[in-house]
Amino acid sequence: MDDMSKNWYFPAMDSLKIPSWQLYGEQSPFPDLVHIETITDRAAGLDWHIAPHRHLHLHQVFLILSGEARLSIDGKALRGASQFLMNMPRGHVHGFAFAAGTEGFVLTLPAADFPELFGPEAETRTALDRPFVAPDQGLAPHFHEIFRLHGAPSPLRRLKLRAAVLRLCCAVAEAGEPAGNDRGEGDARISRFEELIRAHLADGWQLADYARALGVSERHLRRLCLAATGLSAHGFLESTRLREACRLLAYTRMRVQEVGFALGFDDPAYFARTFRRGMGMAASDYRRRLEQT
């Protein structure tokens, strides 16, 4: 997997928001326990190109078995050849350009229906909540088994399918876990903190509001955040907002001032200063650099 060290920009996307795709009845009860399809079925009809988008409630795992793909994850471009695995949590922007004939699978599951994987106390949550690309570690049999169970009615189908998905996602979590990582008590709460930040970007929430929603004191939230991320709670809040600002600048035609308003900055000058301080350049220069790559 090669880091191309540049962002993708799609000037044809003129909507004011990054698309939040509603796949498989995402806003209604999920029609099945999970969904799995081949890369060919997913991408061939779209000329092997899937524009940047995100899912608000769905977690996806991709396995590329043969062929090549260019990937965009939160504006960062990667190029990969077979065989590799990609974990894509809810809320992260991703897009693809596959070589014609690329083979593999994409597994989609509603995160809320798998609390043992994504719930606050789940052992796998920290790893699975992080988008990553990793070499395949022999997971093809897991995908083939899920594909077989999904496509053929059989006794105990849902139970067998659920068990197969849990086995696969445990392996995916292990593949994405940094060596020697020591998960602390704050990991689940910090993941929830980030979810709340994204949900209330434009609502003017202060640190006290987030602490109240998490059921902790401001002091305890600061301590958890520093231990888990190395950032102060305010620093983590600002970095999350800046990451969303970069996404909006990269993937939409919103004016810089509109981006600031969408993220809860009432003062355009303050947003401009915050973005420059965090990114080392003006927001307009950031977008211009994207357009030149």
C-alpha atoms as a PDB file:
ATOM      1  CA  MET A   1       0.000   0.000   0.000  1.00  0.00           C
ATOM      2  CA  ASP A   2       1.596   3.281  -1.101  1.00  0.00           C
ATOM      3  CA  ASP A   3       0.929   6.589   0.591  1.00  0.00           C
ATOM      4  CA  MET A   4       0.577   9.057  -2.276  1.00  0.00           C
ATOM      5  CA  SER A   5       0.902  11.974   0.191  1.00  0.00           C
ATOM      6  CA  LYS A   6      -1.822  14.002  -1.449  1.00  0.00           C
ATOM      7  CA  ASN A   7      -5.569  14.524  -1.260  1.00  0.00           C
ATOM      8  CA  TRP A   8      -8.183  13.738  -3.868  1.00  0.00           C
ATOM      9  CA  TYR A   9     -10.451  16.515  -5.002  1.00  0.00           C
ATOM     10  CA  PHE A  10     -13.639  15.933  -6.968  1.00  0.00           C
ATOM     11  CA  PRO A  11     -14.669  19.254  -8.561  1.00  0.00           C
ATOM     12  CA  ALA A  12     -17.791  17.676 -10.047  1.00  0.00           C
ATOM     13  CA  MET A  13     -19.249  17.347  -6.558  1.00  0.00           C
ATOM     14  CA  ASP A  14     -21.176  20.595  -6.135  1.00  0.00           C
ATOM     15  CA  SER A  15     -23.483  19.630  -3.286  1.00  0.00           C
ATOM     16  CA  LEU A  16     -23.126  21.538  -0.040  1.00  0.00           C
ATOM     17  CA  LYS A  17     -22.566  18.440   2.018  1.00  0.00           C
ATOM     18  CA  ILE A  18     -20.500  15.316   1.738  1.00  0.00           C
ATOM     19  CA  PRO A  19     -22.958  12.602   0.703  1.00  0.00           C
ATOM     20  CA  SER A  20     -24.155  10.394   3.552  1.00  0.00           C
ATOM     21  CA  TRP A  21     -25.317   7.413   1.541  1.00  0.00           C
ATOM     22  CA  GLN A  22     -28.381   5.536   2.688  1.00  0.00           C
ATOM     23  CA  LEU A  23     -27.509   1.992   1.718  1.00  0.00           C
ATOM     24  CA  TYR A  24     -29.746  -1.022   2.227  1.00  0.00           C
ATOM     25  CA  GLY A  25     -32.460   0.910   4.078  1.00  0.00           C
ATOM     26  CA  GLU A  26     -30.085   2.590   6.488  1.00  0.00           C
ATOM     27  CA  GLN A  27     -32.787   4.877   7.848  1.00  0.00           C
ATOM     28  CA  SER A  28     -35.190   1.988   8.429  1.00  0.00           C
ATOM     29  CA  PRO A  29     -34.693  -1.403  10.057  1.00  0.00           C
ATOM     30  CA  PHE A  30     -31.820  -3.145   8.293  1.00  0.00           C
ATOM     31  CA  PRO A  31     -33.302  -5.663   5.861  1.00  0.00           C
ATOM     32  CA  ASP A  32     -30.891  -8.391   6.926  1.00  0.00           C
ATOM     33  CA  LEU A  33     -28.396  -9.040   9.665  1.00  0.00           C
ATOM     34  CA  VAL A  34     -25.558  -7.950   7.353  1.00  0.00           C
ATOM     35  CA  HIS A  35     -24.958  -7.372   3.661  1.00  0.00           C
ATOM     36  CA  ILE A  36     -22.061  -8.747   1.641  1.00  0.00           C
ATOM     37  CA  GLU A  37     -21.327  -8.385  -2.057  1.00  0.00           C
ATOM     38  CA  THR A  38     -18.414  -8.710  -4.416  1.00  0.00           C
ATOM     39  CA  ILE A  39     -16.387  -5.736  -5.563  1.00  0.00           C
ATOM     40  CA  THR A  40     -17.543  -6.527  -9.106  1.00  0.00           C
ATOM     41  CA  ASP A  41     -21.211  -6.315  -8.114  1.00  0.00           C
ATOM     42  CA  ARG A  42     -20.580  -3.156  -6.128  1.00  0.00           C
ATOM     43  CA  ALA A  43     -18.416  -1.197  -8.567  1.00  0.00           C
ATOM     44  CA  ALA A  44     -18.640  -2.536 -12.131  1.00  0.00           C
ATOM     45  CA  GLY A  45     -21.960  -0.828 -12.796  1.00  0.00           C
ATOM     46  CA  LEU A  46     -20.461   2.466 -11.626  1.00  0.00           C
ATOM     47  CA  ASP A  47     -17.545   2.243 -14.064  1.00  0.00           C
ATOM     48  CA  TRP A  48     -15.395   0.993 -11.156  1.00  0.00           C
ATOM     49  CA  HIS A  49     -15.504   4.414  -9.518  1.00  0.00           C
ATOM     50  CA  ILE A  50     -17.293   5.234  -6.250  1.00  0.00           C
ATOM     51  CA  ALA A  51     -17.345   8.924  -5.353  1.00  0.00           C
ATOM     52  CA  PRO A  52     -16.431  10.063  -1.822  1.00  0.00           C
ATOM     53  CA  HIS A  53     -19.224   9.507   0.674  1.00  0.00           C
ATOM     54  CA  ARG A  54     -19.821   8.336   4.203  1.00  0.00           C
ATOM     55  CA  HIS A  55     -22.314   6.228   6.136  1.00  0.00           C
ATOM     56  CA  LEU A  56     -23.748   7.462   9.404  1.00  0.00           C
ATOM     57  CA  HIS A  57     -24.763   4.081  10.816  1.00  0.00           C
ATOM     58  CA  LEU A  58     -22.990   1.394   8.795  1.00  0.00           C
ATOM     59  CA  HIS A  59     -19.572  -0.172   9.319  1.00  0.00           C
ATOM     60  CA  GLN A  60     -17.807  -1.662   6.297  1.00  0.00           C
ATOM     61  CA  VAL A  61     -14.896  -4.044   5.800  1.00  0.00           C
ATOM     62  CA  PHE A  62     -13.314  -4.498   2.358  1.00  0.00           C
ATOM     63  CA  LEU A  63     -11.034  -7.259   1.150  1.00  0.00           C
ATOM     64  CA  ILE A  64      -9.266  -6.861  -2.202  1.00  0.00           C
ATOM     65  CA  LEU A  65      -8.163 -10.236  -3.567  1.00  0.00           C
ATOM     66  CA  SER A  66      -6.848  -9.217  -6.990  1.00  0.00           C
ATOM     67  CA  GLY A  67      -6.515  -6.057  -9.038  1.00  0.00           C
ATOM     68  CA  GLU A  68      -5.653  -2.540  -7.981  1.00  0.00           C
ATOM     69  CA  ALA A  69      -7.447   0.305  -6.289  1.00  0.00           C
ATOM     70  CA  ARG A  70      -6.975   3.945  -5.478  1.00  0.00           C
ATOM     71  CA  LEU A  71      -8.529   4.817  -2.157  1.00  0.00           C
ATOM     72  CA  SER A  72      -9.438   8.094  -0.517  1.00  0.00           C
ATOM     73  CA  ILE A  73      -9.915   7.986   3.250  1.00  0.00           C
ATOM     74  CA  ASP A  74     -10.770  11.311   4.895  1.00  0.00           C
ATOM     75  CA  GLY A  75      -9.061  13.125   2.027  1.00  0.00           C
ATOM     76  CA  LYS A  76      -5.850  11.080   2.150  1.00  0.00           C
ATOM     77  CA  ALA A  77      -5.093   9.192  -1.053  1.00  0.00           C
ATOM     78  CA  LEU A  78      -3.626   5.694  -1.116  1.00  0.00           C
ATOM     79  CA  ARG A  79      -2.917   3.254  -3.895  1.00  0.00           C
ATOM     80  CA  GLY A  80      -2.939  -0.489  -3.313  1.00  0.00           C
ATOM     81  CA  ALA A  81      -2.579  -3.741  -5.186  1.00  0.00           C
ATOM     82  CA  SER A  82      -3.900  -7.099  -4.072  1.00  0.00           C
ATOM     83  CA  GLN A  83      -4.191  -8.330  -1.466  1.00  0.00           C
ATOM     84  CA  PHE A  84      -5.259  -5.929   1.259  1.00  0.00           C
ATOM     85  CA  LEU A  85      -7.884  -5.288   3.883  1.00  0.00           C
ATOM     86  CA  MET A  86      -9.645  -1.998   4.613  1.00  0.00           C
ATOM     87  CA  ASN A  87     -11.643  -1.160   7.724  1.00  0.00           C
ATOM     88  CA  MET A  88     -14.087   1.731   7.320  1.00  0.00           C
ATOM     89  CA  PRO A  89     -15.991   2.918  10.434  1.00  0.00           C
ATOM     90  CA  ARG A  90     -19.090   5.085  10.454  1.00  0.00           C
ATOM     91  CA  GLY A  91     -18.705   8.742   9.641  1.00  0.00           C
ATOM     92  CA  HIS A  92     -15.430   8.612   7.718  1.00  0.00           C
ATOM     93  CA  VAL A  93     -15.337   9.830   4.129  1.00  0.00           C
ATOM     94  CA  HIS A  94     -14.145   7.252   1.613  1.00  0.00           C
ATOM     95  CA  GLY A  95     -14.075   6.840  -2.158  1.00  0.00           C
ATOM     96  CA  PHE A  96     -12.619   4.364  -4.642  1.00  0.00           C
ATOM     97  CA  ALA A  97     -11.326   3.983  -8.150  1.00  0.00           C
ATOM     98  CA  PHE A  98     -10.857   0.280  -8.896  1.00  0.00           C
ATOM     99  CA  ALA A  99      -9.019  -1.225 -11.829  1.00  0.00           C
ATOM    100  CA  ALA A 100     -11.514  -2.995 -14.085  1.00  0.00           C
ATOM    101  CA  GLY A 101     -11.895  -6.605 -13.018  1.00  0.00           C
ATOM    102  CA  THR A 102     -10.776  -6.080  -9.424  1.00  0.00           C
ATOM    103  CA  GLU A 103     -12.008  -8.930  -7.251  1.00  0.00           C
ATOM    104  CA  GLY A 104     -12.874  -8.977  -3.588  1.00  0.00           C
ATOM    105  CA  PHE A 105     -15.658  -8.403  -1.081  1.00  0.00           C
ATOM    106  CA  VAL A 106     -17.320  -5.604   0.854  1.00  0.00           C
ATOM    107  CA  LEU A 107     -19.096  -6.485   4.089  1.00  0.00           C
ATOM    108  CA  THR A 108     -21.600  -3.988   5.505  1.00  0.00           C
ATOM    109  CA  LEU A 109     -23.150  -4.238   8.941  1.00  0.00           C
ATOM    110  CA  PRO A 110     -25.313  -1.920  11.059  1.00  0.00           C
ATOM    111  CA  ALA A 111     -23.102  -0.973  13.986  1.00  0.00           C
ATOM    112  CA  ALA A 112     -26.008  -0.583  16.390  1.00  0.00           C
ATOM    113  CA  ASP A 113     -26.951  -4.244  15.905  1.00  0.00           C
ATOM    114  CA  PHE A 114     -23.507  -5.455  16.997  1.00  0.00           C
ATOM    115  CA  PRO A 115     -22.931  -4.015  20.487  1.00  0.00           C
ATOM    116  CA  GLU A 116     -20.393  -6.736  21.206  1.00  0.00           C
ATOM    117  CA  LEU A 117     -18.203  -5.172  18.486  1.00  0.00           C
ATOM    118  CA  PHE A 118     -19.059  -1.457  18.700  1.00  0.00           C
ATOM    119  CA  GLY A 119     -20.675  -0.920  22.099  1.00  0.00           C
ATOM    120  CA  PRO A 120     -19.024   1.247  24.770  1.00  0.00           C
ATOM    121  CA  GLU A 121     -17.512  -1.769  26.539  1.00  0.00           C
ATOM    122  CA  ALA A 122     -16.563  -3.777  23.438  1.00  0.00           C
ATOM    123  CA  GLU A 123     -12.940  -4.949  23.385  1.00  0.00           C
ATOM    124  CA  THR A 124     -12.828  -4.461  19.621  1.00  0.00           C
ATOM    125  CA  ARG A 125     -14.255  -0.955  19.531  1.00  0.00           C
ATOM    126  CA  THR A 126     -10.986   0.990  19.722  1.00  0.00           C
ATOM    127  CA  ALA A 127      -9.461  -0.867  16.774  1.00  0.00           C
ATOM    128  CA  LEU A 128     -12.626  -0.984  14.674  1.00  0.00           C
ATOM    129  CA  ASP A 129     -13.403   2.706  15.225  1.00  0.00           C
ATOM    130  CA  ARG A 130     -10.201   3.582  13.356  1.00  0.00           C
ATOM    131  CA  PRO A 131     -10.101   3.547   9.534  1.00  0.00           C
ATOM    132  CA  PHE A 132      -7.086   1.616   8.314  1.00  0.00           C
ATOM    133  CA  VAL A 133      -5.623  -0.351   5.443  1.00  0.00           C
ATOM    134  CA  ALA A 134      -3.542  -3.429   6.172  1.00  0.00           C
ATOM    135  CA  PRO A 135      -2.141  -6.421   4.268  1.00  0.00           C
ATOM    136  CA  ASP A 136      -4.513  -9.363   4.076  1.00  0.00           C
ATOM    137  CA  GLN A 137      -3.740 -11.887   6.788  1.00  0.00           C
ATOM    138  CA  GLY A 138      -5.520 -14.863   5.299  1.00  0.00           C
ATOM    139  CA  LEU A 139      -9.043 -13.574   5.854  1.00  0.00           C
ATOM    140  CA  ALA A 140     -10.448 -14.659   2.481  1.00  0.00           C
ATOM    141  CA  PRO A 141     -11.989 -17.884   3.918  1.00  0.00           C
ATOM    142  CA  HIS A 142     -13.950 -15.777   6.430  1.00  0.00           C
ATOM    143  CA  PHE A 143     -15.395 -13.594   3.661  1.00  0.00           C
ATOM    144  CA  HIS A 144     -16.231 -16.616   1.494  1.00  0.00           C
ATOM    145  CA  GLU A 145     -18.010 -18.268   4.425  1.00  0.00           C
ATOM    146  CA  ILE A 146     -20.072 -15.140   5.161  1.00  0.00           C
ATOM    147  CA  PHE A 147     -20.884 -14.802   1.461  1.00  0.00           C
ATOM    148  CA  ARG A 148     -22.069 -18.449   1.367  1.00  0.00           C
ATOM    149  CA  LEU A 149     -24.181 -18.136   4.517  1.00  0.00           C
ATOM    150  CA  HIS A 150     -25.679 -14.851   3.370  1.00  0.00           C
ATOM    151  CA  GLY A 151     -26.762 -16.152  -0.009  1.00  0.00           C
ATOM    152  CA  ALA A 152     -28.418 -19.439   0.925  1.00  0.00           C
ATOM    153  CA  PRO A 153     -31.304 -19.933   3.394  1.00  0.00           C
ATOM    154  CA  SER A 154     -30.411 -22.597   5.907  1.00  0.00           C
ATOM    155  CA  PRO A 155     -31.316 -23.687   9.428  1.00  0.00           C
ATOM    156  CA  LEU A 156     -29.915 -21.297  12.049  1.00  0.00           C
ATOM    157  CA  ARG A 157     -28.838 -18.946   9.242  1.00  0.00           C
ATOM    158  CA  ARG A 158     -28.831 -15.730  11.283  1.00  0.00           C
ATOM    159  CA  LEU A 159     -27.014 -17.305  14.193  1.00  0.00           C
ATOM    160  CA  LYS A 160     -24.350 -18.854  11.954  1.00  0.00           C
ATOM    161  CA  LEU A 161     -24.005 -15.616  10.010  1.00  0.00           C
ATOM    162  CA  ARG A 162     -23.611 -13.594  13.179  1.00  0.00           C
ATOM    163  CA  ALA A 163     -20.959 -15.964  14.501  1.00  0.00           C
ATOM    164  CA  ALA A 164     -19.034 -15.778  11.226  1.00  0.00           C
ATOM    165  CA  VAL A 165     -19.159 -11.966  11.229  1.00  0.00           C
ATOM    166  CA  LEU A 166     -17.932 -11.817  14.824  1.00  0.00           C
ATOM    167  CA  ARG A 167     -14.996 -14.095  14.008  1.00  0.00           C
ATOM    168  CA  LEU A 168     -14.060 -11.977  11.011  1.00  0.00           C
ATOM    169  CA  CYS A 169     -14.336  -8.662  12.840  1.00  0.00           C
ATOM    170  CA  CYS A 170     -12.192  -9.959  15.706  1.00  0.00           C
ATOM    171  CA  ALA A 171      -9.523 -10.805  13.136  1.00  0.00           C
ATOM    172  CA  VAL A 172      -9.935  -7.377  11.522  1.00  0.00           C
ATOM    173  CA  ALA A 173      -9.532  -5.708  14.925  1.00  0.00           C
ATOM    174  CA  GLU A 174      -6.346  -7.672  15.534  1.00  0.00           C
ATOM    175  CA  ALA A 175      -5.022  -6.682  12.106  1.00  0.00           C
ATOM    176  CA  GLY A 176      -5.573  -3.016  12.906  1.00  0.00           C
ATOM    177  CA  GLU A 177      -4.300  -3.039  16.477  1.00  0.00           C
ATOM    178  CA  PRO A 178      -0.882  -1.345  16.787  1.00  0.00           C
ATOM    179  CA  ALA A 179       1.758  -3.579  18.287  1.00  0.00           C
ATOM    180  CA  GLY A 180       2.011  -3.190  22.032  1.00  0.00           C
ATOM    181  CA  ASN A 181      -1.090  -1.050  22.211  1.00  0.00           C
ATOM    182  CA  ASP A 182      -2.345  -0.775  25.764  1.00  0.00           C
ATOM    183  CA  ARG A 183      -5.982   0.214  25.785  1.00  0.00           C
ATOM    184  CA  GLY A 184      -7.000   2.283  28.771  1.00  0.00           C
ATOM    185  CA  GLU A 185     -10.322   2.833  30.457  1.00  0.00           C
ATOM    186  CA  GLY A 186     -10.827   6.050  28.550  1.00  0.00           C
ATOM    187  CA  ASP A 187     -10.809   4.570  25.046  1.00  0.00           C
ATOM    188  CA  ALA A 188     -14.541   3.918  24.772  1.00  0.00           C
ATOM    189  CA  ARG A 189     -15.400   7.284  26.267  1.00  0.00           C
ATOM    190  CA  ILE A 190     -12.998   9.081  23.962  1.00  0.00           C
ATOM    191  CA  SER A 191     -14.603   7.354  20.958  1.00  0.00           C
ATOM    192  CA  ARG A 192     -17.966   8.485  22.266  1.00  0.00           C
ATOM    193  CA  PHE A 193     -16.553  11.986  22.845  1.00  0.00           C
ATOM    194  CA  GLU A 194     -15.549  12.131  19.171  1.00  0.00           C
ATOM    195  CA  GLU A 195     -18.997  10.935  18.097  1.00  0.00           C
ATOM    196  CA  LEU A 196     -20.611  13.673  20.175  1.00  0.00           C
ATOM    197  CA  ILE A 197     -18.302  16.320  18.716  1.00  0.00           C
ATOM    198  CA  ARG A 198     -19.315  15.321  15.185  1.00  0.00           C
ATOM    199  CA  ALA A 199     -22.991  15.237  16.130  1.00  0.00           C
ATOM    200  CA  HIS A 200     -22.935  18.706  17.690  1.00  0.00           C
ATOM    201  CA  LEU A 201     -20.433  20.587  15.550  1.00  0.00           C
ATOM    202  CA  ALA A 202     -22.836  23.422  14.820  1.00  0.00           C
ATOM    203  CA  ASP A 203     -24.580  23.482  18.198  1.00  0.00           C
ATOM    204  CA  GLY A 204     -22.053  25.498  20.163  1.00  0.00           C
ATOM    205  CA  TRP A 205     -21.471  22.796  22.770  1.00  0.00           C
ATOM    206  CA  GLN A 206     -18.829  23.559  25.388  1.00  0.00           C
ATOM    207  CA  LEU A 207     -16.630  21.056  27.190  1.00  0.00           C
ATOM    208  CA  ALA A 208     -19.111  20.996  30.088  1.00  0.00           C
ATOM    209  CA  ASP A 209     -21.862  19.849  27.701  1.00  0.00           C
ATOM    210  CA  TYR A 210     -19.753  16.961  26.409  1.00  0.00           C
ATOM    211  CA  ALA A 211     -18.722  15.946  29.919  1.00  0.00           C
ATOM    212  CA  ARG A 212     -22.366  15.958  31.011  1.00  0.00           C
ATOM    213  CA  ALA A 213     -23.373  13.789  28.023  1.00  0.00           C
ATOM    214  CA  LEU A 214     -20.577  11.345  28.863  1.00  0.00           C
ATOM    215  CA  GLY A 215     -21.491  11.223  32.540  1.00  0.00           C
ATOM    216  CA  VAL A 216     -18.107  12.472  33.771  1.00  0.00           C
ATOM    217  CA  SER A 217     -16.720  15.683  35.198  1.00  0.00           C
ATOM    218  CA  GLU A 218     -14.838  18.138  33.009  1.00  0.00           C
ATOM    219  CA  ARG A 219     -11.694  17.374  34.961  1.00  0.00           C
ATOM    220  CA  HIS A 220     -12.070  13.649  34.400  1.00  0.00           C
ATOM    221  CA  LEU A 221     -12.737  14.161  30.681  1.00  0.00           C
ATOM    222  CA  ARG A 222      -9.561  16.231  30.404  1.00  0.00           C
ATOM    223  CA  ARG A 223      -7.601  13.464  32.140  1.00  0.00           C
ATOM    224  CA  LEU A 224      -9.071  10.713  29.951  1.00  0.00           C
ATOM    225  CA  CYS A 225      -8.443  12.683  26.781  1.00  0.00           C
ATOM    226  CA  LEU A 226      -4.832  13.462  27.640  1.00  0.00           C
ATOM    227  CA  ALA A 227      -4.113   9.830  28.528  1.00  0.00           C
ATOM    228  CA  ALA A 228      -5.771   8.400  25.389  1.00  0.00           C
ATOM    229  CA  THR A 229      -4.722  10.956  22.760  1.00  0.00           C
ATOM    230  CA  GLY A 230      -1.897  13.053  24.150  1.00  0.00           C
ATOM    231  CA  LEU A 231      -4.066  16.131  23.570  1.00  0.00           C
ATOM    232  CA  SER A 232      -5.977  18.306  25.965  1.00  0.00           C
ATOM    233  CA  ALA A 233      -9.736  17.940  25.721  1.00  0.00           C
ATOM    234  CA  HIS A 234      -9.952  21.342  24.018  1.00  0.00           C
ATOM    235  CA  GLY A 235      -7.118  20.327  21.684  1.00  0.00           C
ATOM    236  CA  PHE A 236      -8.926  17.113  20.769  1.00  0.00           C
ATOM    237  CA  LEU A 237     -12.158  19.030  20.199  1.00  0.00           C
ATOM    238  CA  GLU A 238     -10.385  21.503  17.943  1.00  0.00           C
ATOM    239  CA  SER A 239      -8.542  18.792  15.985  1.00  0.00           C
ATOM    240  CA  THR A 240     -11.813  16.959  15.335  1.00  0.00           C
ATOM    241  CA  ARG A 241     -13.450  20.146  14.083  1.00  0.00           C
ATOM    242  CA  LEU A 242     -10.443  20.884  11.865  1.00  0.00           C
ATOM    243  CA  ARG A 243     -10.575  17.383  10.405  1.00  0.00           C
ATOM    244  CA  GLU A 244     -14.203  17.961   9.483  1.00  0.00           C
ATOM    245  CA  ALA A 245     -13.273  21.356   8.031  1.00  0.00           C
ATOM    246  CA  CYS A 246     -10.678  19.660   5.815  1.00  0.00           C
ATOM    247  CA  ARG A 247     -13.281  17.159   4.625  1.00  0.00           C
ATOM    248  CA  LEU A 248     -15.734  19.895   3.721  1.00  0.00           C
ATOM    249  CA  LEU A 249     -13.078  21.896   1.903  1.00  0.00           C
ATOM    250  CA  ALA A 250     -11.920  18.808   0.024  1.00  0.00           C
ATOM    251  CA  TYR A 251     -15.248  17.296  -0.923  1.00  0.00           C
ATOM    252  CA  THR A 252     -17.766  20.137  -1.216  1.00  0.00           C
ATOM    253  CA  ARG A 253     -18.133  23.503  -2.923  1.00  0.00           C
ATOM    254  CA  MET A 254     -19.035  25.291   0.307  1.00  0.00           C
ATOM    255  CA  ARG A 255     -17.361  28.655   0.657  1.00  0.00           C
ATOM    256  CA  VAL A 256     -14.768  28.924   3.415  1.00  0.00           C
ATOM    257  CA  GLN A 257     -17.109  31.120   5.452  1.00  0.00           C
ATOM    258  CA  GLU A 258     -19.902  28.540   5.080  1.00  0.00           C
ATOM    259  CA  VAL A 259     -17.577  25.792   6.283  1.00  0.00           C
ATOM    260  CA  GLY A 260     -16.891  27.811   9.411  1.00  0.00           C
ATOM    261  CA  PHE A 261     -20.595  28.391  10.073  1.00  0.00           C
ATOM    262  CA  ALA A 262     -21.335  24.663   9.539  1.00  0.00           C
ATOM    263  CA  LEU A 263     -18.792  23.828  12.239  1.00  0.00           C
ATOM    264  CA  GLY A 264     -20.160  26.289  14.774  1.00  0.00           C
ATOM    265  CA  PHE A 265     -17.793  29.225  14.197  1.00  0.00           C
ATOM    266  CA  ASP A 266     -19.959  32.360  14.313  1.00  0.00           C
ATOM    267  CA  ASP A 267     -16.982  34.603  13.588  1.00  0.00           C
ATOM    268  CA  PRO A 268     -15.366  33.948  10.170  1.00  0.00           C
ATOM    269  CA  ALA A 269     -12.157  35.652  11.289  1.00  0.00           C
ATOM    270  CA  TYR A 270     -11.902  33.345  14.302  1.00  0.00           C
ATOM    271  CA  PHE A 271     -12.422  30.296  12.074  1.00  0.00           C
ATOM    272  CA  ALA A 272      -9.733  31.586   9.715  1.00  0.00           C
ATOM    273  CA  ARG A 273      -7.268  32.013  12.588  1.00  0.00           C
ATOM    274  CA  THR A 274      -8.128  28.597  14.040  1.00  0.00           C
ATOM    275  CA  PHE A 275      -7.682  26.837  10.705  1.00  0.00           C
ATOM    276  CA  ARG A 276      -4.372  28.598   9.985  1.00  0.00           C
ATOM    277  CA  ARG A 277      -3.067  27.796  13.453  1.00  0.00           C
ATOM    278  CA  GLY A 278      -4.006  24.128  13.175  1.00  0.00           C
ATOM    279  CA  MET A 279      -3.116  23.462   9.531  1.00  0.00           C
ATOM    280  CA  GLY A 280      -0.303  25.930   8.958  1.00  0.00           C
ATOM    281  CA  MET A 281      -2.070  27.625   6.042  1.00  0.00           C
ATOM    282  CA  ALA A 282      -5.235  29.504   5.221  1.00  0.00           C
ATOM    283  CA  ALA A 283      -8.346  27.491   4.389  1.00  0.00           C
ATOM    284  CA  SER A 284      -8.423  28.998   0.886  1.00  0.00           C
ATOM    285  CA  ASP A 285      -4.800  27.956   0.324  1.00  0.00           C
ATOM    286  CA  TYR A 286      -5.613  24.448   1.558  1.00  0.00           C
ATOM    287  CA  ARG A 287      -8.395  24.113  -1.002  1.00  0.00           C
ATOM    288  CA  ARG A 288      -6.234  25.640  -3.746  1.00  0.00           C
ATOM    289  CA  ARG A 289      -3.507  23.100  -3.042  1.00  0.00           C
ATOM    290  CA  LEU A 290      -6.060  20.295  -3.415  1.00  0.00           C
ATOM    291  CA  GLU A 291      -7.171  21.666  -6.766  1.00  0.00           C
ATOM    292  CA  GLN A 292      -3.596  21.649  -8.024  1.00  0.00           C
ATOM    293  CA  THR A 293      -2.888  17.988  -7.182  1.00  0.00           C
END
